[in-house]
């Protein structure tokens, strides 16, 4: 990265400074050469941050944004114009159909599936290892199949349909998303999850 884009500080320096500014920050993405509307502007740098939060869609308070911005300015000076913004959140909606062989398992399986999906898709504490999601990464359908197969009482998974939603637009994912990249400043979060659990006899009729 050239000095004209970030001043004498590297992208890594701005990344480190953002984390130093507050222990409440969970995710940071530094984008040189863009303003806070993500428009290319020389001499600007945008820092995208997400806080630790129990909310499905963690948003940054105005106070925290100012704290991070002031902290960076105090150390980097006026080398570049610094902006601090929220991630562009992408809502992950799921339609899931499962099969069990016991009537009394239906509510249990449905509740367990809902809980696991919501936790898996959480931007800060979700993912395969419970460490959250990287900027720009989309969930894989294969991971969701593996997640749901672990639930006691699930005989098999009829189908999983994923619909990504952002800025009023929806994108239905029919195949696997391995290698599929979202915008580099975006994070996923759990959206509407519709779960249907069938009895084996019903599923085979």
Protein backbone atom coordinates (compact mmCIF):
# COMPACT_ATOMS: atom_id res chain seq x y z
CA UNK A 1 0.00 0.00 0.00
CA UNK A 2 1.47 3.36 -1.01
CA UNK A 3 2.18 6.21 1.41
CA UNK A 4 -0.13 8.48 -0.61
CA UNK A 5 -3.07 6.22 0.28
CA UNK A 6 -2.42 5.77 4.00
CA UNK A 7 0.21 8.36 4.89
CA UNK A 8 3.26 7.03 6.72
CA UNK A 9 1.06 4.47 8.46
CA UNK A 10 0.36 1.08 6.92
CA UNK A 11 -3.08 -0.53 6.72
CA UNK A 12 -1.93 -2.85 9.52
CA UNK A 13 -1.10 0.20 11.68
CA UNK A 14 -4.63 1.56 11.34
CA UNK A 15 -6.01 -1.92 12.01
CA UNK A 16 -3.99 -2.18 15.22
CA UNK A 17 -4.92 1.33 16.34
CA UNK A 18 -8.63 0.59 15.94
CA UNK A 19 -8.35 -2.42 18.24
CA UNK A 20 -6.27 -0.43 20.72
CA UNK A 21 -8.96 2.24 20.91
CA UNK A 22 -11.46 0.01 22.73
CA UNK A 23 -11.68 -3.50 24.13
CA UNK A 24 -15.31 -3.63 23.01
CA UNK A 25 -14.29 -3.99 19.36
CA UNK A 26 -14.56 -7.50 17.93
CA UNK A 27 -13.96 -7.00 14.21
CA UNK A 28 -11.99 -4.45 12.17
CA UNK A 29 -11.61 -3.93 8.43
CA UNK A 30 -9.48 -1.10 7.04
CA UNK A 31 -10.20 0.16 3.52
CA UNK A 32 -7.75 2.75 2.14
CA UNK A 33 -8.78 5.19 -0.56
CA UNK A 34 -12.52 5.20 0.28
CA UNK A 35 -14.66 7.69 2.19
CA UNK A 36 -17.52 6.80 4.55
CA UNK A 37 -19.89 6.23 1.61
CA UNK A 38 -17.33 3.79 0.16
CA UNK A 39 -16.65 6.17 -2.70
CA UNK A 40 -13.03 6.23 -3.99
CA UNK A 41 -11.39 9.41 -2.64
CA UNK A 42 -7.60 9.89 -2.45
CA UNK A 43 -6.30 10.69 1.02
CA UNK A 44 -9.19 9.02 2.84
CA UNK A 45 -9.31 5.78 4.81
CA UNK A 46 -12.38 4.02 6.19
CA UNK A 47 -12.27 1.80 9.27
CA UNK A 48 -15.15 -0.67 9.52
CA UNK A 49 -15.76 -1.93 13.05
CA UNK A 50 -18.16 -4.32 14.77
CA UNK A 51 -18.49 -4.46 18.57
CA UNK A 52 -18.91 -7.42 20.87
CA UNK A 53 -22.65 -7.80 21.34
CA UNK A 54 -25.40 -10.30 22.05
CA UNK A 55 -27.53 -8.66 19.36
CA UNK A 56 -27.94 -10.55 16.09
CA UNK A 57 -26.79 -7.42 14.24
CA UNK A 58 -24.17 -5.62 16.36
CA UNK A 59 -24.13 -1.89 15.58
CA UNK A 60 -21.54 0.65 16.65
CA UNK A 61 -22.65 3.51 18.88
CA UNK A 62 -21.85 7.09 17.94
CA UNK A 63 -19.73 7.30 21.09
CA UNK A 64 -17.59 4.32 20.09
CA UNK A 65 -17.17 5.60 16.53
CA UNK A 66 -15.91 8.93 17.86
CA UNK A 67 -13.63 7.19 20.36
CA UNK A 68 -11.97 5.13 17.62
CA UNK A 69 -11.73 8.06 15.23
CA UNK A 70 -10.19 10.35 17.87
CA UNK A 71 -7.76 7.65 19.02
CA UNK A 72 -6.48 7.12 15.47
CA UNK A 73 -6.24 10.85 14.76
CA UNK A 74 -4.25 11.50 17.94
CA UNK A 75 -1.63 8.99 16.82
CA UNK A 76 -1.71 9.26 13.04
CA UNK A 77 -2.24 13.01 12.86
CA UNK A 78 -3.68 14.46 9.67
CA UNK A 79 -1.93 12.08 7.28
CA UNK A 80 -5.31 11.00 5.91
CA UNK A 81 -8.99 11.69 6.56
CA UNK A 82 -10.28 8.89 8.77
CA UNK A 83 -13.85 7.58 8.73
CA UNK A 84 -15.34 4.97 11.09
CA UNK A 85 -18.47 3.07 9.99
CA UNK A 86 -20.60 0.01 10.70
CA UNK A 87 -20.24 -3.10 8.54
CA UNK A 88 -22.63 -3.54 5.63
CA UNK A 89 -24.73 -6.28 7.19
CA UNK A 90 -26.13 -9.04 5.00
CA UNK A 91 -29.14 -10.87 6.38
CA UNK A 92 -29.12 -14.66 6.00
CA UNK A 93 -32.63 -16.10 5.73
CA UNK A 94 -33.09 -19.88 5.77
CA UNK A 95 -35.87 -22.27 4.86
CA UNK A 96 -35.14 -25.68 6.38
CA UNK A 97 -37.07 -28.95 6.12
CA UNK A 98 -36.08 -31.84 8.39
CA UNK A 99 -37.42 -35.34 9.05
CA UNK A 100 -37.72 -37.21 12.34
CA UNK A 101 -39.30 -40.54 13.27
CA UNK A 102 -41.04 -39.51 16.50
CA UNK A 103 -43.98 -37.16 16.97
CA UNK A 104 -42.66 -35.95 20.33
CA UNK A 105 -39.31 -35.10 18.71
CA UNK A 106 -40.82 -32.48 16.40
CA UNK A 107 -40.84 -29.51 18.84
CA UNK A 108 -37.47 -30.50 20.31
CA UNK A 109 -35.81 -30.83 16.91
CA UNK A 110 -37.35 -27.57 15.72
CA UNK A 111 -36.17 -25.65 18.79
CA UNK A 112 -32.68 -27.14 18.70
CA UNK A 113 -32.31 -26.43 14.98
CA UNK A 114 -33.39 -22.82 15.45
CA UNK A 115 -30.93 -22.27 18.30
CA UNK A 116 -28.00 -23.83 16.48
CA UNK A 117 -28.65 -21.91 13.27
CA UNK A 118 -28.97 -18.55 15.04
CA UNK A 119 -25.77 -19.19 16.98
CA UNK A 120 -23.87 -20.41 13.89
CA UNK A 121 -24.80 -17.30 11.88
CA UNK A 122 -23.99 -14.78 14.61
CA UNK A 123 -21.33 -12.43 13.18
CA UNK A 124 -19.22 -12.24 16.35
CA UNK A 125 -19.49 -15.63 18.04
CA UNK A 126 -20.73 -17.87 15.20
CA UNK A 127 -18.96 -19.88 12.53
CA UNK A 128 -17.43 -23.33 12.65
CA UNK A 129 -15.19 -22.61 15.65
CA UNK A 130 -17.38 -20.09 17.46
CA UNK A 131 -15.03 -17.20 16.70
CA UNK A 132 -17.34 -15.28 14.42
CA UNK A 133 -17.31 -14.56 10.70
CA UNK A 134 -14.67 -12.83 8.62
CA UNK A 135 -15.62 -9.80 6.56
CA UNK A 136 -16.84 -10.85 3.13
CA UNK A 137 -17.40 -14.51 3.96
CA UNK A 138 -20.67 -16.28 3.16
CA UNK A 139 -21.87 -19.41 5.00
CA UNK A 140 -21.63 -22.72 3.15
CA UNK A 141 -24.71 -24.90 2.76
CA UNK A 142 -22.53 -27.93 3.45
CA UNK A 143 -21.69 -26.49 6.89
CA UNK A 144 -25.37 -26.03 7.66
CA UNK A 145 -26.11 -29.62 6.63
CA UNK A 146 -23.33 -30.84 8.93
CA UNK A 147 -24.62 -28.64 11.76
CA UNK A 148 -28.18 -29.94 11.53
CA UNK A 149 -27.17 -33.59 11.12
CA UNK A 150 -25.69 -33.40 14.63
CA UNK A 151 -29.10 -32.81 16.21
CA UNK A 152 -30.51 -35.83 18.01
CA UNK A 153 -33.74 -36.95 16.39
CA UNK A 154 -32.95 -35.72 12.88
CA UNK A 155 -33.16 -38.68 10.49
CA UNK A 156 -32.30 -36.68 7.42
CA UNK A 157 -32.48 -33.21 5.93
CA UNK A 158 -35.03 -32.72 3.18
CA UNK A 159 -33.74 -29.34 2.03
CA UNK A 160 -32.05 -26.10 2.97
CA UNK A 161 -32.66 -22.92 1.00
CA UNK A 162 -30.59 -19.83 1.75
CA UNK A 163 -31.66 -16.32 0.81
CA UNK A 164 -29.21 -13.45 1.30
CA UNK A 165 -30.80 -10.04 1.79
CA UNK A 166 -29.17 -6.61 1.59
CA UNK A 167 -30.36 -3.12 0.63
CA UNK A 168 -33.83 -4.42 -0.18
CA UNK A 169 -32.52 -7.02 -2.61
CA UNK A 170 -32.56 -10.79 -2.17
CA UNK A 171 -30.30 -13.47 -3.64
CA UNK A 172 -31.31 -17.12 -3.42
CA UNK A 173 -28.43 -19.58 -3.04
CA UNK A 174 -29.21 -22.92 -4.67
CA UNK A 175 -25.79 -24.56 -4.63
CA UNK A 176 -22.85 -24.52 -2.28
CA UNK A 177 -21.18 -21.20 -1.52
CA UNK A 178 -17.59 -22.44 -1.27
CA UNK A 179 -15.44 -19.64 -2.65
CA UNK A 180 -18.41 -17.27 -2.85
CA UNK A 181 -17.36 -13.83 -1.63
CA UNK A 182 -19.50 -11.01 -0.33
CA UNK A 183 -18.30 -7.37 -0.34
CA UNK A 184 -15.14 -7.08 1.73
CA UNK A 185 -16.72 -4.60 4.17
CA UNK A 186 -19.77 -6.80 4.89
CA UNK A 187 -20.68 -9.21 7.68
CA UNK A 188 -23.48 -11.75 7.74
CA UNK A 189 -26.07 -11.96 10.50
CA UNK A 190 -28.97 -14.35 11.22
CA UNK A 191 -32.28 -13.36 9.68
CA UNK A 192 -35.61 -15.13 9.31
CA UNK A 193 -35.35 -18.88 9.85
CA UNK A 194 -38.29 -21.06 8.82
CA UNK A 195 -38.04 -24.65 10.05
CA UNK A 196 -40.42 -27.46 9.14
CA UNK A 197 -40.06 -30.87 10.80
CA UNK A 198 -41.85 -33.82 9.20
CA UNK A 199 -42.56 -37.29 10.54
CA UNK A 200 -40.84 -39.99 8.51
CA UNK A 201 -44.20 -41.46 7.43
CA UNK A 202 -45.35 -38.02 6.20
CA UNK A 203 -42.13 -37.42 4.30
CA UNK A 204 -42.33 -40.70 2.43
CA UNK A 205 -46.01 -40.51 1.40
